[in-house]
Amino acid sequence: MPTIIMDSCSYTRLGLTDYLTSHGVKKRHINAIEDIDSLHEKCSKLNPSLVFINE
């Protein structure tokens, strides 16, 4: 399940990553990004099942 996390806070990204991995999402399927251009690019490439945005 490809997942994208867009958040400028490293603690939030870490918390979400830990939560997702503890619920079966493989770490290699979790992508952290920092800006809207990266979000557009990753969504086009990965077709994610889940996107967290906190900006």
PDB file of N, CA and C in Angstrom:
ATOM      1  N   MET A   1       0.846  -1.171   0.000  1.00  0.00           N
ATOM      2  CA  MET A   1       0.000   0.000   0.000  1.00  0.00           C
ATOM      3  C   MET A   1       0.896   1.241   0.000  1.00  0.00           C
ATOM      4  N   PRO A   2       1.104   1.863  -1.151  1.00  0.00           N
ATOM      5  CA  PRO A   2       1.916   3.077  -1.201  1.00  0.00           C
ATOM      6  C   PRO A   2       1.281   4.193  -0.363  1.00  0.00           C
ATOM      7  N   THR A   3       2.091   4.848   0.433  1.00  0.00           N
ATOM      8  CA  THR A   3       1.634   5.904   1.330  1.00  0.00           C
ATOM      9  C   THR A   3       2.575   7.093   1.216  1.00  0.00           C
ATOM     10  N   ILE A   4       1.999   8.297   1.243  1.00  0.00           N
ATOM     11  CA  ILE A   4       2.792   9.521   1.192  1.00  0.00           C
ATOM     12  C   ILE A   4       2.478  10.352   2.431  1.00  0.00           C
ATOM     13  N   ILE A   5       3.524  10.854   3.070  1.00  0.00           N
ATOM     14  CA  ILE A   5       3.373  11.745   4.217  1.00  0.00           C
ATOM     15  C   ILE A   5       3.987  13.090   3.844  1.00  0.00           C
ATOM     16  N   MET A   6       3.168  14.142   3.882  1.00  0.00           N
ATOM     17  CA  MET A   6       3.662  15.496   3.619  1.00  0.00           C
ATOM     18  C   MET A   6       3.495  16.304   4.897  1.00  0.00           C
ATOM     19  N   ASP A   7       4.596  16.525   5.581  1.00  0.00           N
ATOM     20  CA  ASP A   7       4.579  17.264   6.842  1.00  0.00           C
ATOM     21  C   ASP A   7       5.965  17.832   7.086  1.00  0.00           C
ATOM     22  N   SER A   8       6.038  19.077   7.470  1.00  0.00           N
ATOM     23  CA  SER A   8       7.337  19.702   7.708  1.00  0.00           C
ATOM     24  C   SER A   8       7.941  19.290   9.051  1.00  0.00           C
ATOM     25  N   CYS A   9       7.128  18.727   9.939  1.00  0.00           N
ATOM     26  CA  CYS A   9       7.610  18.326  11.263  1.00  0.00           C
ATOM     27  C   CYS A   9       8.131  16.886  11.237  1.00  0.00           C
ATOM     28  N   SER A  10       9.397  16.726  11.548  1.00  0.00           N
ATOM     29  CA  SER A  10       9.994  15.382  11.513  1.00  0.00           C
ATOM     30  C   SER A  10       9.390  14.467  12.571  1.00  0.00           C
ATOM     31  N   TYR A  11       8.943  15.028  13.698  1.00  0.00           N
ATOM     32  CA  TYR A  11       8.333  14.204  14.746  1.00  0.00           C
ATOM     33  C   TYR A  11       7.004  13.611  14.286  1.00  0.00           C
ATOM     34  N   THR A  12       6.220  14.399  13.578  1.00  0.00           N
ATOM     35  CA  THR A  12       4.947  13.897  13.055  1.00  0.00           C
ATOM     36  C   THR A  12       5.193  12.818  12.011  1.00  0.00           C
ATOM     37  N   ARG A  13       6.149  13.059  11.110  1.00  0.00           N
ATOM     38  CA  ARG A  13       6.479  12.044  10.099  1.00  0.00           C
ATOM     39  C   ARG A  13       6.927  10.748  10.758  1.00  0.00           C
ATOM     40  N   LEU A  14       7.776  10.860  11.764  1.00  0.00           N
ATOM     41  CA  LEU A  14       8.261   9.679  12.475  1.00  0.00           C
ATOM     42  C   LEU A  14       7.115   8.948  13.170  1.00  0.00           C
ATOM     43  N   GLY A  15       6.242   9.695  13.824  1.00  0.00           N
ATOM     44  CA  GLY A  15       5.100   9.085  14.504  1.00  0.00           C
ATOM     45  C   GLY A  15       4.177   8.364  13.540  1.00  0.00           C
ATOM     46  N   LEU A  16       3.863   8.993  12.422  1.00  0.00           N
ATOM     47  CA  LEU A  16       3.010   8.351  11.420  1.00  0.00           C
ATOM     48  C   LEU A  16       3.681   7.120  10.825  1.00  0.00           C
ATOM     49  N   THR A  17       4.972   7.227  10.555  1.00  0.00           N
ATOM     50  CA  THR A  17       5.707   6.086  10.007  1.00  0.00           C
ATOM     51  C   THR A  17       5.693   4.919  10.985  1.00  0.00           C
ATOM     52  N   ASP A  18       5.959   5.185  12.258  1.00  0.00           N
ATOM     53  CA  ASP A  18       5.934   4.122  13.271  1.00  0.00           C
ATOM     54  C   ASP A  18       4.547   3.504  13.394  1.00  0.00           C
ATOM     55  N   TYR A  19       3.519   4.346  13.387  1.00  0.00           N
ATOM     56  CA  TYR A  19       2.148   3.844  13.485  1.00  0.00           C
ATOM     57  C   TYR A  19       1.813   2.942  12.294  1.00  0.00           C
ATOM     58  N   LEU A  20       2.133   3.407  11.104  1.00  0.00           N
ATOM     59  CA  LEU A  20       1.810   2.634   9.902  1.00  0.00           C
ATOM     60  C   LEU A  20       2.570   1.313   9.852  1.00  0.00           C
ATOM     61  N   THR A  21       3.852   1.341  10.210  1.00  0.00           N
ATOM     62  CA  THR A  21       4.621   0.093  10.182  1.00  0.00           C
ATOM     63  C   THR A  21       4.126  -0.885  11.239  1.00  0.00           C
ATOM     64  N   SER A  22       3.649  -0.377  12.370  1.00  0.00           N
ATOM     65  CA  SER A  22       3.116  -1.272  13.400  1.00  0.00           C
ATOM     66  C   SER A  22       1.781  -1.884  12.980  1.00  0.00           C
ATOM     67  N   HIS A  23       1.150  -1.300  11.964  1.00  0.00           N
ATOM     68  CA  HIS A  23      -0.115  -1.829  11.445  1.00  0.00           C
ATOM     69  C   HIS A  23       0.049  -2.494  10.081  1.00  0.00           C
ATOM     70  N   GLY A  24       1.270  -2.917   9.778  1.00  0.00           N
ATOM     71  CA  GLY A  24       1.478  -3.759   8.606  1.00  0.00           C
ATOM     72  C   GLY A  24       1.963  -3.107   7.330  1.00  0.00           C
ATOM     73  N   VAL A  25       2.093  -1.785   7.313  1.00  0.00           N
ATOM     74  CA  VAL A  25       2.595  -1.120   6.111  1.00  0.00           C
ATOM     75  C   VAL A  25       4.121  -1.236   6.107  1.00  0.00           C
ATOM     76  N   LYS A  26       4.668  -1.687   5.014  1.00  0.00           N
ATOM     77  CA  LYS A  26       6.122  -1.832   4.910  1.00  0.00           C
ATOM     78  C   LYS A  26       6.772  -0.456   4.771  1.00  0.00           C
ATOM     79  N   LYS A  27       7.894  -0.289   5.458  1.00  0.00           N
ATOM     80  CA  LYS A  27       8.578   1.004   5.472  1.00  0.00           C
ATOM     81  C   LYS A  27       8.956   1.474   4.069  1.00  0.00           C
ATOM     82  N   ARG A  28       9.269   0.546   3.191  1.00  0.00           N
ATOM     83  CA  ARG A  28       9.658   0.929   1.827  1.00  0.00           C
ATOM     84  C   ARG A  28       8.480   1.495   1.028  1.00  0.00           C
ATOM     85  N   HIS A  29       7.247   1.307   1.524  1.00  0.00           N
ATOM     86  CA  HIS A  29       6.062   1.831   0.848  1.00  0.00           C
ATOM     87  C   HIS A  29       5.657   3.207   1.376  1.00  0.00           C
ATOM     88  N   ILE A  30       6.396   3.710   2.367  1.00  0.00           N
ATOM     89  CA  ILE A  30       6.085   5.011   2.957  1.00  0.00           C
ATOM     90  C   ILE A  30       7.077   6.036   2.420  1.00  0.00           C
ATOM     91  N   ASN A  31       6.550   7.099   1.828  1.00  0.00           N
ATOM     92  CA  ASN A  31       7.379   8.153   1.239  1.00  0.00           C
ATOM     93  C   ASN A  31       7.092   9.471   1.942  1.00  0.00           C
ATOM     94  N   ALA A  32       8.126  10.108   2.454  1.00  0.00           N
ATOM     95  CA  ALA A  32       7.991  11.423   3.077  1.00  0.00           C
ATOM     96  C   ALA A  32       8.434  12.480   2.076  1.00  0.00           C
ATOM     97  N   ILE A  33       7.614  13.508   1.930  1.00  0.00           N
ATOM     98  CA  ILE A  33       7.943  14.597   1.011  1.00  0.00           C
ATOM     99  C   ILE A  33       7.782  15.924   1.730  1.00  0.00           C
ATOM    100  N   GLU A  34       8.294  16.981   1.119  1.00  0.00           N
ATOM    101  CA  GLU A  34       8.307  18.283   1.785  1.00  0.00           C
ATOM    102  C   GLU A  34       7.510  19.375   1.057  1.00  0.00           C
ATOM    103  N   ASP A  35       7.259  19.223  -0.252  1.00  0.00           N
ATOM    104  CA  ASP A  35       6.594  20.313  -0.963  1.00  0.00           C
ATOM    105  C   ASP A  35       5.545  19.784  -1.945  1.00  0.00           C
ATOM    106  N   ILE A  36       4.740  20.697  -2.440  1.00  0.00           N
ATOM    107  CA  ILE A  36       3.605  20.344  -3.294  1.00  0.00           C
ATOM    108  C   ILE A  36       4.054  19.782  -4.643  1.00  0.00           C
ATOM    109  N   ASP A  37       5.172  20.243  -5.163  1.00  0.00           N
ATOM    110  CA  ASP A  37       5.669  19.712  -6.434  1.00  0.00           C
ATOM    111  C   ASP A  37       6.054  18.245  -6.292  1.00  0.00           C
ATOM    112  N   SER A  38       6.688  17.920  -5.183  1.00  0.00           N
ATOM    113  CA  SER A  38       7.040  16.520  -4.918  1.00  0.00           C
ATOM    114  C   SER A  38       5.790  15.673  -4.742  1.00  0.00           C
ATOM    115  N   LEU A  39       4.765  16.251  -4.117  1.00  0.00           N
ATOM    116  CA  LEU A  39       3.503  15.526  -3.929  1.00  0.00           C
ATOM    117  C   LEU A  39       2.893  15.166  -5.275  1.00  0.00           C
ATOM    118  N   HIS A  40       2.837  16.120  -6.173  1.00  0.00           N
ATOM    119  CA  HIS A  40       2.272  15.873  -7.503  1.00  0.00           C
ATOM    120  C   HIS A  40       3.061  14.787  -8.228  1.00  0.00           C
ATOM    121  N   GLU A  41       4.377  14.888  -8.179  1.00  0.00           N
ATOM    122  CA  GLU A  41       5.236  13.913  -8.857  1.00  0.00           C
ATOM    123  C   GLU A  41       5.058  12.504  -8.282  1.00  0.00           C
ATOM    124  N   LYS A  42       5.074  12.391  -6.955  1.00  0.00           N
ATOM    125  CA  LYS A  42       4.945  11.074  -6.312  1.00  0.00           C
ATOM    126  C   LYS A  42       3.558  10.478  -6.539  1.00  0.00           C
ATOM    127  N   CYS A  43       2.515  11.301  -6.494  1.00  0.00           N
ATOM    128  CA  CYS A  43       1.160  10.790  -6.725  1.00  0.00           C
ATOM    129  C   CYS A  43       1.018  10.252  -8.142  1.00  0.00           C
ATOM    130  N   SER A  44       1.607  10.949  -9.097  1.00  0.00           N
ATOM    131  CA  SER A  44       1.554  10.486 -10.483  1.00  0.00           C
ATOM    132  C   SER A  44       2.290   9.168 -10.658  1.00  0.00           C
ATOM    133  N   LYS A  45       3.416   9.038  -9.974  1.00  0.00           N
ATOM    134  CA  LYS A  45       4.263   7.861 -10.127  1.00  0.00           C
ATOM    135  C   LYS A  45       3.749   6.658  -9.329  1.00  0.00           C
ATOM    136  N   LEU A  46       3.314   6.888  -8.089  1.00  0.00           N
ATOM    137  CA  LEU A  46       3.002   5.786  -7.180  1.00  0.00           C
ATOM    138  C   LEU A  46       1.526   5.404  -7.107  1.00  0.00           C
ATOM    139  N   ASN A  47       0.637   6.343  -7.432  1.00  0.00           N
ATOM    140  CA  ASN A  47      -0.797   6.123  -7.253  1.00  0.00           C
ATOM    141  C   ASN A  47      -1.066   5.614  -5.830  1.00  0.00           C
ATOM    142  N   PRO A  48      -0.784   6.452  -4.802  1.00  0.00           N
ATOM    143  CA  PRO A  48      -0.844   6.007  -3.413  1.00  0.00           C
ATOM    144  C   PRO A  48      -2.260   5.686  -2.943  1.00  0.00           C
ATOM    145  N   SER A  49      -2.338   4.778  -1.986  1.00  0.00           N
ATOM    146  CA  SER A  49      -3.607   4.432  -1.360  1.00  0.00           C
ATOM    147  C   SER A  49      -3.951   5.412  -0.250  1.00  0.00           C
ATOM    148  N   LEU A  50      -2.923   6.039   0.320  1.00  0.00           N
ATOM    149  CA  LEU A  50      -3.099   6.899   1.477  1.00  0.00           C
ATOM    150  C   LEU A  50      -2.141   8.080   1.392  1.00  0.00           C
ATOM    151  N   VAL A  51      -2.662   9.295   1.629  1.00  0.00           N
ATOM    152  CA  VAL A  51      -1.833  10.500   1.630  1.00  0.00           C
ATOM    153  C   VAL A  51      -2.161  11.304   2.887  1.00  0.00           C
ATOM    154  N   PHE A  52      -1.143  11.574   3.704  1.00  0.00           N
ATOM    155  CA  PHE A  52      -1.291  12.428   4.878  1.00  0.00           C
ATOM    156  C   PHE A  52      -0.691  13.781   4.539  1.00  0.00           C
ATOM    157  N   ILE A  53      -1.497  14.855   4.701  1.00  0.00           N
ATOM    158  CA  ILE A  53      -1.003  16.207   4.459  1.00  0.00           C
ATOM    159  C   ILE A  53      -1.256  17.030   5.714  1.00  0.00           C
ATOM    160  N   ASN A  54      -0.204  17.627   6.246  1.00  0.00           N
ATOM    161  CA  ASN A  54      -0.313  18.478   7.424  1.00  0.00           C
ATOM    162  C   ASN A  54       0.582  19.682   7.200  1.00  0.00           C
ATOM    163  N   GLU A  55       0.033  20.713   6.627  1.00  0.00           N
ATOM    164  CA  GLU A  55       0.822  21.914   6.341  1.00  0.00           C
ATOM    165  C   GLU A  55       0.079  23.138   6.791  1.00  0.00           C
TER     166      GLU A  55
END
